[in-house]
Amino acid sequence: MKLGGRALMLAADVFNIFNTQTPLDYNNFFETTFGALNPDYGLRGSSDVINGQQLTTPRQVRIGARLEF
């Protein structure tokens, strides 16, 4: 939008618009110890590196304004 010799620009960004919870980590250890199969192999959630389930961030909105003169 032009205001004399100035310009105003408004912007908005939406991240994860549908607010889905996508897992970011899967248990990728085939064995718990040598020869002992891991029953949680391939399941979503912690791979024992970081405790707790790692999911994408919830919906976020970023709003900005820029004034040029």
PDB file of N, CA and C in Angstrom:
ATOM      1  N   MET A   1       0.855  -1.161   0.000  1.00  0.00           N
ATOM      2  CA  MET A   1       0.000   0.000   0.000  1.00  0.00           C
ATOM      3  C   MET A   1       0.901   1.224   0.000  1.00  0.00           C
ATOM      4  N   LYS A   2       0.687   2.167  -0.905  1.00  0.00           N
ATOM      5  CA  LYS A   2       1.481   3.389  -1.015  1.00  0.00           C
ATOM      6  C   LYS A   2       0.814   4.510  -0.228  1.00  0.00           C
ATOM      7  N   LEU A   3       1.601   5.195   0.571  1.00  0.00           N
ATOM      8  CA  LEU A   3       1.124   6.341   1.367  1.00  0.00           C
ATOM      9  C   LEU A   3       2.029   7.522   1.078  1.00  0.00           C
ATOM     10  N   GLY A   4       1.740   8.276   0.032  1.00  0.00           N
ATOM     11  CA  GLY A   4       2.625   9.371  -0.363  1.00  0.00           C
ATOM     12  C   GLY A   4       3.942   8.798  -0.862  1.00  0.00           C
ATOM     13  N   GLY A   5       5.053   9.151  -0.222  1.00  0.00           N
ATOM     14  CA  GLY A   5       6.361   8.615  -0.582  1.00  0.00           C
ATOM     15  C   GLY A   5       6.721   7.390   0.247  1.00  0.00           C
ATOM     16  N   ARG A   6       5.785   6.867   0.984  1.00  0.00           N
ATOM     17  CA  ARG A   6       6.031   5.724   1.864  1.00  0.00           C
ATOM     18  C   ARG A   6       5.285   4.492   1.352  1.00  0.00           C
ATOM     19  N   ALA A   7       5.762   3.342   1.781  1.00  0.00           N
ATOM     20  CA  ALA A   7       5.093   2.086   1.406  1.00  0.00           C
ATOM     21  C   ALA A   7       4.962   1.226   2.658  1.00  0.00           C
ATOM     22  N   LEU A   8       3.789   0.635   2.825  1.00  0.00           N
ATOM     23  CA  LEU A   8       3.523  -0.253   3.954  1.00  0.00           C
ATOM     24  C   LEU A   8       3.237  -1.648   3.409  1.00  0.00           C
ATOM     25  N   MET A   9       3.980  -2.635   3.922  1.00  0.00           N
ATOM     26  CA  MET A   9       3.775  -4.005   3.488  1.00  0.00           C
ATOM     27  C   MET A   9       3.431  -4.856   4.702  1.00  0.00           C
ATOM     28  N   LEU A  10       2.316  -5.586   4.620  1.00  0.00           N
ATOM     29  CA  LEU A  10       1.904  -6.490   5.679  1.00  0.00           C
ATOM     30  C   LEU A  10       2.103  -7.924   5.199  1.00  0.00           C
ATOM     31  N   ALA A  11       2.557  -8.797   6.101  1.00  0.00           N
ATOM     32  CA  ALA A  11       2.803 -10.189   5.733  1.00  0.00           C
ATOM     33  C   ALA A  11       2.353 -11.106   6.861  1.00  0.00           C
ATOM     34  N   ALA A  12       1.916 -12.297   6.491  1.00  0.00           N
ATOM     35  CA  ALA A  12       1.535 -13.312   7.474  1.00  0.00           C
ATOM     36  C   ALA A  12       1.974 -14.672   6.948  1.00  0.00           C
ATOM     37  N   ASP A  13       2.540 -15.470   7.832  1.00  0.00           N
ATOM     38  CA  ASP A  13       2.947 -16.831   7.511  1.00  0.00           C
ATOM     39  C   ASP A  13       2.278 -17.771   8.499  1.00  0.00           C
ATOM     40  N   VAL A  14       1.784 -18.911   8.006  1.00  0.00           N
ATOM     41  CA  VAL A  14       1.181 -19.923   8.876  1.00  0.00           C
ATOM     42  C   VAL A  14       1.968 -21.209   8.687  1.00  0.00           C
ATOM     43  N   PHE A  15       2.443 -21.774   9.796  1.00  0.00           N
ATOM     44  CA  PHE A  15       3.202 -23.016   9.779  1.00  0.00           C
ATOM     45  C   PHE A  15       2.359 -24.116  10.408  1.00  0.00           C
ATOM     46  N   ASN A  16       2.408 -25.311   9.832  1.00  0.00           N
ATOM     47  CA  ASN A  16       1.628 -26.458  10.285  1.00  0.00           C
ATOM     48  C   ASN A  16       0.143 -26.078  10.337  1.00  0.00           C
ATOM     49  N   ILE A  17      -0.371 -25.641   9.221  1.00  0.00           N
ATOM     50  CA  ILE A  17      -1.721 -25.068   9.130  1.00  0.00           C
ATOM     51  C   ILE A  17      -2.810 -26.035   9.591  1.00  0.00           C
ATOM     52  N   PHE A  18      -2.626 -27.346   9.377  1.00  0.00           N
ATOM     53  CA  PHE A  18      -3.644 -28.310   9.777  1.00  0.00           C
ATOM     54  C   PHE A  18      -3.384 -28.882  11.168  1.00  0.00           C
ATOM     55  N   ASN A  19      -2.342 -28.387  11.835  1.00  0.00           N
ATOM     56  CA  ASN A  19      -2.011 -28.748  13.212  1.00  0.00           C
ATOM     57  C   ASN A  19      -1.848 -30.264  13.384  1.00  0.00           C
ATOM     58  N   THR A  20      -1.158 -30.885  12.436  1.00  0.00           N
ATOM     59  CA  THR A  20      -0.913 -32.323  12.528  1.00  0.00           C
ATOM     60  C   THR A  20       0.306 -32.596  13.399  1.00  0.00           C
ATOM     61  N   GLN A  21       0.298 -33.709  14.083  1.00  0.00           N
ATOM     62  CA  GLN A  21       1.427 -34.103  14.913  1.00  0.00           C
ATOM     63  C   GLN A  21       2.159 -35.231  14.208  1.00  0.00           C
ATOM     64  N   THR A  22       3.198 -34.890  13.496  1.00  0.00           N
ATOM     65  CA  THR A  22       3.997 -35.850  12.763  1.00  0.00           C
ATOM     66  C   THR A  22       5.213 -36.226  13.597  1.00  0.00           C
ATOM     67  N   PRO A  23       5.458 -37.515  13.808  1.00  0.00           N
ATOM     68  CA  PRO A  23       6.639 -37.904  14.586  1.00  0.00           C
ATOM     69  C   PRO A  23       7.921 -37.578  13.826  1.00  0.00           C
ATOM     70  N   LEU A  24       8.907 -37.101  14.545  1.00  0.00           N
ATOM     71  CA  LEU A  24      10.188 -36.755  13.944  1.00  0.00           C
ATOM     72  C   LEU A  24      11.247 -37.816  14.202  1.00  0.00           C
ATOM     73  N   ASP A  25      10.930 -38.783  15.043  1.00  0.00           N
ATOM     74  CA  ASP A  25      11.925 -39.781  15.416  1.00  0.00           C
ATOM     75  C   ASP A  25      11.278 -41.153  15.487  1.00  0.00           C
ATOM     76  N   TYR A  26      11.981 -42.131  15.011  1.00  0.00           N
ATOM     77  CA  TYR A  26      11.546 -43.522  15.092  1.00  0.00           C
ATOM     78  C   TYR A  26      12.634 -44.328  15.786  1.00  0.00           C
ATOM     79  N   ASN A  27      12.232 -45.360  16.466  1.00  0.00           N
ATOM     80  CA  ASN A  27      13.201 -46.225  17.128  1.00  0.00           C
ATOM     81  C   ASN A  27      13.926 -47.017  16.047  1.00  0.00           C
ATOM     82  N   ASN A  28      15.204 -46.730  15.854  1.00  0.00           N
ATOM     83  CA  ASN A  28      15.946 -47.362  14.767  1.00  0.00           C
ATOM     84  C   ASN A  28      16.997 -48.355  15.258  1.00  0.00           C
ATOM     85  N   PHE A  29      16.872 -48.802  16.498  1.00  0.00           N
ATOM     86  CA  PHE A  29      17.795 -49.808  17.017  1.00  0.00           C
ATOM     87  C   PHE A  29      17.175 -51.194  16.827  1.00  0.00           C
ATOM     88  N   PHE A  30      17.797 -52.023  15.985  1.00  0.00           N
ATOM     89  CA  PHE A  30      17.263 -53.341  15.663  1.00  0.00           C
ATOM     90  C   PHE A  30      17.394 -54.309  16.839  1.00  0.00           C
ATOM     91  N   GLU A  31      18.466 -54.140  17.602  1.00  0.00           N
ATOM     92  CA  GLU A  31      18.703 -54.995  18.756  1.00  0.00           C
ATOM     93  C   GLU A  31      18.923 -54.139  20.003  1.00  0.00           C
ATOM     94  N   THR A  32      18.471 -54.617  21.151  1.00  0.00           N
ATOM     95  CA  THR A  32      18.739 -53.902  22.405  1.00  0.00           C
ATOM     96  C   THR A  32      20.142 -54.216  22.897  1.00  0.00           C
ATOM     97  N   THR A  33      20.549 -55.460  22.804  1.00  0.00           N
ATOM     98  CA  THR A  33      21.928 -55.902  23.033  1.00  0.00           C
ATOM     99  C   THR A  33      22.229 -56.929  21.948  1.00  0.00           C
ATOM    100  N   PHE A  34      23.460 -57.361  21.867  1.00  0.00           N
ATOM    101  CA  PHE A  34      23.850 -58.296  20.809  1.00  0.00           C
ATOM    102  C   PHE A  34      22.996 -59.562  20.866  1.00  0.00           C
ATOM    103  N   GLY A  35      22.250 -59.790  19.800  1.00  0.00           N
ATOM    104  CA  GLY A  35      21.430 -60.988  19.688  1.00  0.00           C
ATOM    105  C   GLY A  35      20.026 -60.874  20.256  1.00  0.00           C
ATOM    106  N   ALA A  36      19.714 -59.798  20.977  1.00  0.00           N
ATOM    107  CA  ALA A  36      18.370 -59.615  21.560  1.00  0.00           C
ATOM    108  C   ALA A  36      17.615 -58.582  20.729  1.00  0.00           C
ATOM    109  N   LEU A  37      16.580 -59.031  20.041  1.00  0.00           N
ATOM    110  CA  LEU A  37      15.806 -58.135  19.183  1.00  0.00           C
ATOM    111  C   LEU A  37      15.069 -57.083  20.005  1.00  0.00           C
ATOM    112  N   ASN A  38      14.960 -55.909  19.458  1.00  0.00           N
ATOM    113  CA  ASN A  38      14.272 -54.794  20.105  1.00  0.00           C
ATOM    114  C   ASN A  38      12.788 -54.857  19.736  1.00  0.00           C
ATOM    115  N   PRO A  39      11.881 -55.028  20.695  1.00  0.00           N
ATOM    116  CA  PRO A  39      10.453 -55.116  20.370  1.00  0.00           C
ATOM    117  C   PRO A  39       9.873 -53.778  19.896  1.00  0.00           C
ATOM    118  N   ASP A  40      10.555 -52.670  20.174  1.00  0.00           N
ATOM    119  CA  ASP A  40      10.072 -51.344  19.777  1.00  0.00           C
ATOM    120  C   ASP A  40      10.677 -50.864  18.457  1.00  0.00           C
ATOM    121  N   TYR A  41      11.419 -51.723  17.758  1.00  0.00           N
ATOM    122  CA  TYR A  41      12.070 -51.320  16.511  1.00  0.00           C
ATOM    123  C   TYR A  41      11.028 -50.842  15.494  1.00  0.00           C
ATOM    124  N   GLY A  42      11.263 -49.672  14.924  1.00  0.00           N
ATOM    125  CA  GLY A  42      10.394 -49.125  13.889  1.00  0.00           C
ATOM    126  C   GLY A  42       9.203 -48.351  14.405  1.00  0.00           C
ATOM    127  N   LEU A  43       8.964 -48.366  15.709  1.00  0.00           N
ATOM    128  CA  LEU A  43       7.837 -47.617  16.265  1.00  0.00           C
ATOM    129  C   LEU A  43       8.208 -46.153  16.408  1.00  0.00           C
ATOM    130  N   ARG A  44       7.217 -45.298  16.301  1.00  0.00           N
ATOM    131  CA  ARG A  44       7.506 -43.875  16.459  1.00  0.00           C
ATOM    132  C   ARG A  44       7.775 -43.577  17.927  1.00  0.00           C
ATOM    133  N   GLY A  45       8.545 -42.548  18.139  1.00  0.00           N
ATOM    134  CA  GLY A  45       8.879 -42.166  19.505  1.00  0.00           C
ATOM    135  C   GLY A  45      10.365 -42.120  19.709  1.00  0.00           C
ATOM    136  N   SER A  46      10.754 -42.207  20.929  1.00  0.00           N
ATOM    137  CA  SER A  46      12.144 -42.043  21.309  1.00  0.00           C
ATOM    138  C   SER A  46      13.011 -43.194  20.816  1.00  0.00           C
ATOM    139  N   SER A  47      14.194 -42.848  20.350  1.00  0.00           N
ATOM    140  CA  SER A  47      15.182 -43.865  19.987  1.00  0.00           C
ATOM    141  C   SER A  47      16.267 -43.906  21.049  1.00  0.00           C
ATOM    142  N   ASP A  48      15.912 -43.561  22.283  1.00  0.00           N
ATOM    143  CA  ASP A  48      16.801 -43.573  23.437  1.00  0.00           C
ATOM    144  C   ASP A  48      17.915 -42.537  23.360  1.00  0.00           C
ATOM    145  N   VAL A  49      17.882 -41.667  22.381  1.00  0.00           N
ATOM    146  CA  VAL A  49      18.861 -40.593  22.322  1.00  0.00           C
ATOM    147  C   VAL A  49      18.325 -39.397  23.105  1.00  0.00           C
ATOM    148  N   ILE A  50      17.070 -39.046  22.862  1.00  0.00           N
ATOM    149  CA  ILE A  50      16.384 -37.988  23.601  1.00  0.00           C
ATOM    150  C   ILE A  50      15.113 -38.609  24.155  1.00  0.00           C
ATOM    151  N   ASN A  51      14.931 -38.541  25.446  1.00  0.00           N
ATOM    152  CA  ASN A  51      13.735 -39.140  26.044  1.00  0.00           C
ATOM    153  C   ASN A  51      12.492 -38.353  25.667  1.00  0.00           C
ATOM    154  N   GLY A  52      11.386 -39.053  25.486  1.00  0.00           N
ATOM    155  CA  GLY A  52      10.117 -38.411  25.140  1.00  0.00           C
ATOM    156  C   GLY A  52       9.882 -38.456  23.648  1.00  0.00           C
ATOM    157  N   GLN A  53       8.646 -38.327  23.276  1.00  0.00           N
ATOM    158  CA  GLN A  53       8.280 -38.382  21.866  1.00  0.00           C
ATOM    159  C   GLN A  53       8.559 -37.052  21.198  1.00  0.00           C
ATOM    160  N   GLN A  54       9.178 -37.102  20.054  1.00  0.00           N
ATOM    161  CA  GLN A  54       9.514 -35.907  19.296  1.00  0.00           C
ATOM    162  C   GLN A  54       8.486 -35.721  18.186  1.00  0.00           C
ATOM    163  N   LEU A  55       7.676 -34.673  18.287  1.00  0.00           N
ATOM    164  CA  LEU A  55       6.643 -34.379  17.291  1.00  0.00           C
ATOM    165  C   LEU A  55       6.887 -33.004  16.695  1.00  0.00           C
ATOM    166  N   THR A  56       6.275 -32.753  15.526  1.00  0.00           N
ATOM    167  CA  THR A  56       6.382 -31.426  14.928  1.00  0.00           C
ATOM    168  C   THR A  56       5.720 -30.401  15.841  1.00  0.00           C
ATOM    169  N   THR A  57       6.129 -29.156  15.711  1.00  0.00           N
ATOM    170  CA  THR A  57       5.573 -28.088  16.541  1.00  0.00           C
ATOM    171  C   THR A  57       4.113 -27.838  16.180  1.00  0.00           C
ATOM    172  N   PRO A  58       3.321 -27.350  17.128  1.00  0.00           N
ATOM    173  CA  PRO A  58       1.910 -27.057  16.819  1.00  0.00           C
ATOM    174  C   PRO A  58       1.791 -25.884  15.852  1.00  0.00           C
ATOM    175  N   ARG A  59       0.572 -25.593  15.438  1.00  0.00           N
ATOM    176  CA  ARG A  59       0.310 -24.509  14.503  1.00  0.00           C
ATOM    177  C   ARG A  59       0.919 -23.198  15.026  1.00  0.00           C
ATOM    178  N   GLN A  60       1.561 -22.477  14.125  1.00  0.00           N
ATOM    179  CA  GLN A  60       2.159 -21.190  14.478  1.00  0.00           C
ATOM    180  C   GLN A  60       1.811 -20.166  13.417  1.00  0.00           C
ATOM    181  N   VAL A  61       1.605 -18.928  13.844  1.00  0.00           N
ATOM    182  CA  VAL A  61       1.308 -17.828  12.932  1.00  0.00           C
ATOM    183  C   VAL A  61       2.327 -16.727  13.183  1.00  0.00           C
ATOM    184  N   ARG A  62       2.903 -16.209  12.103  1.00  0.00           N
ATOM    185  CA  ARG A  62       3.860 -15.104  12.201  1.00  0.00           C
ATOM    186  C   ARG A  62       3.301 -13.938  11.395  1.00  0.00           C
ATOM    187  N   ILE A  63       3.214 -12.794  12.026  1.00  0.00           N
ATOM    188  CA  ILE A  63       2.669 -11.590  11.382  1.00  0.00           C
ATOM    189  C   ILE A  63       3.745 -10.517  11.405  1.00  0.00           C
ATOM    190  N   GLY A  64       3.881  -9.819  10.286  1.00  0.00           N
ATOM    191  CA  GLY A  64       4.911  -8.782  10.196  1.00  0.00           C
ATOM    192  C   GLY A  64       4.418  -7.575   9.422  1.00  0.00           C
ATOM    193  N   ALA A  65       5.092  -6.474   9.644  1.00  0.00           N
ATOM    194  CA  ALA A  65       4.797  -5.233   8.909  1.00  0.00           C
ATOM    195  C   ALA A  65       6.115  -4.568   8.562  1.00  0.00           C
ATOM    196  N   ARG A  66       6.150  -3.914   7.402  1.00  0.00           N
ATOM    197  CA  ARG A  66       7.346  -3.227   6.946  1.00  0.00           C
ATOM    198  C   ARG A  66       6.927  -1.867   6.408  1.00  0.00           C
ATOM    199  N   LEU A  67       7.568  -0.865   6.908  1.00  0.00           N
ATOM    200  CA  LEU A  67       7.299   0.519   6.466  1.00  0.00           C
ATOM    201  C   LEU A  67       8.548   1.059   5.800  1.00  0.00           C
ATOM    202  N   GLU A  68       8.409   1.420   4.530  1.00  0.00           N
ATOM    203  CA  GLU A  68       9.539   1.989   3.779  1.00  0.00           C
ATOM    204  C   GLU A  68       9.262   3.481   3.562  1.00  0.00           C
ATOM    205  N   PHE A  69      10.291   4.268   3.818  1.00  0.00           N
ATOM    206  CA  PHE A  69      10.157   5.720   3.597  1.00  0.00           C
ATOM    207  C   PHE A  69      11.430   6.290   3.067  1.00  0.00           C
TER     208      PHE A  69
END
